[in-house]
Amino acid sequence: MANGYYVQPTIFEGTNDMRVFQEEIFGPVLAVTTFKDDEEAMALANDIIWSWCWRLDA
């Protein structure tokens, strides 16, 4: 953009041990991982120091 900085929206696919999953990133960033069931999803969510956790019930 002509009047400032612009960072393209970025999607990271990976695992919970990656830095992008453990730290808060300011910007248009989404970190995505997979899990087998609700129990594994909760274990992954609870395995990070800081988190905002959101769940959509089907």
Protein backbone atom coordinates (compact mmCIF):
# COMPACT_ATOMS: atom_id res chain seq x y z
CA MET A 1 0.00 0.00 0.00
CA ALA A 2 1.24 3.45 -0.83
CA ASN A 3 0.61 4.99 2.61
CA GLY A 4 2.04 2.36 4.94
CA TYR A 5 3.10 -1.19 5.54
CA TYR A 6 0.99 -4.11 4.50
CA VAL A 7 1.50 -7.78 5.31
CA GLN A 8 -0.35 -10.38 3.27
CA PRO A 9 -2.67 -12.59 5.34
CA THR A 10 -0.77 -15.79 6.14
CA ILE A 11 -1.91 -19.28 7.12
CA PHE A 12 0.51 -21.60 8.93
CA GLU A 13 -0.18 -25.33 9.00
CA GLY A 14 1.85 -27.26 11.53
CA THR A 15 2.14 -28.77 14.98
CA ASN A 16 1.84 -27.47 18.51
CA ASP A 17 5.61 -27.40 19.04
CA MET A 18 6.05 -24.64 16.43
CA ARG A 19 6.70 -21.13 17.75
CA VAL A 20 3.71 -19.74 15.83
CA PHE A 21 1.45 -21.98 17.96
CA GLN A 22 3.06 -20.99 21.26
CA GLU A 23 3.28 -17.20 20.95
CA GLU A 24 0.81 -14.45 20.17
CA ILE A 25 1.33 -12.93 16.74
CA PHE A 26 -0.02 -9.50 15.85
CA GLY A 27 -1.05 -9.43 12.24
CA PRO A 28 -3.24 -11.21 9.74
CA VAL A 29 -2.03 -14.69 10.73
CA LEU A 30 -3.87 -17.96 11.32
CA ALA A 31 -2.20 -21.09 12.71
CA VAL A 32 -4.00 -24.34 11.87
CA THR A 33 -3.41 -27.89 13.09
CA THR A 34 -5.37 -31.13 13.09
CA PHE A 35 -6.51 -33.44 15.89
CA LYS A 36 -8.16 -36.84 16.11
CA ASP A 37 -10.89 -36.16 18.67
CA ASP A 38 -12.09 -33.66 21.30
CA GLU A 39 -9.73 -35.10 23.91
CA GLU A 40 -6.68 -34.50 21.73
CA ALA A 41 -7.93 -31.01 20.82
CA MET A 42 -8.20 -30.09 24.50
CA ALA A 43 -4.73 -31.53 25.20
CA LEU A 44 -3.29 -29.37 22.39
CA ALA A 45 -5.13 -26.28 23.62
CA ASN A 46 -3.87 -26.84 27.17
CA ASP A 47 -0.29 -27.41 26.02
CA ILE A 48 0.44 -23.74 25.33
CA ILE A 49 1.38 -20.98 27.74
CA TRP A 50 -1.01 -18.31 26.45
CA SER A 51 -4.15 -18.97 24.48
CA TRP A 52 -7.44 -17.77 23.19
CA CYS A 53 -9.43 -20.92 22.60
CA TRP A 54 -12.61 -21.08 20.53
CA ARG A 55 -14.75 -24.05 19.70
CA LEU A 56 -17.67 -24.43 17.34
CA ASP A 57 -20.07 -27.17 18.39
CA ALA A 58 -21.53 -28.96 15.39
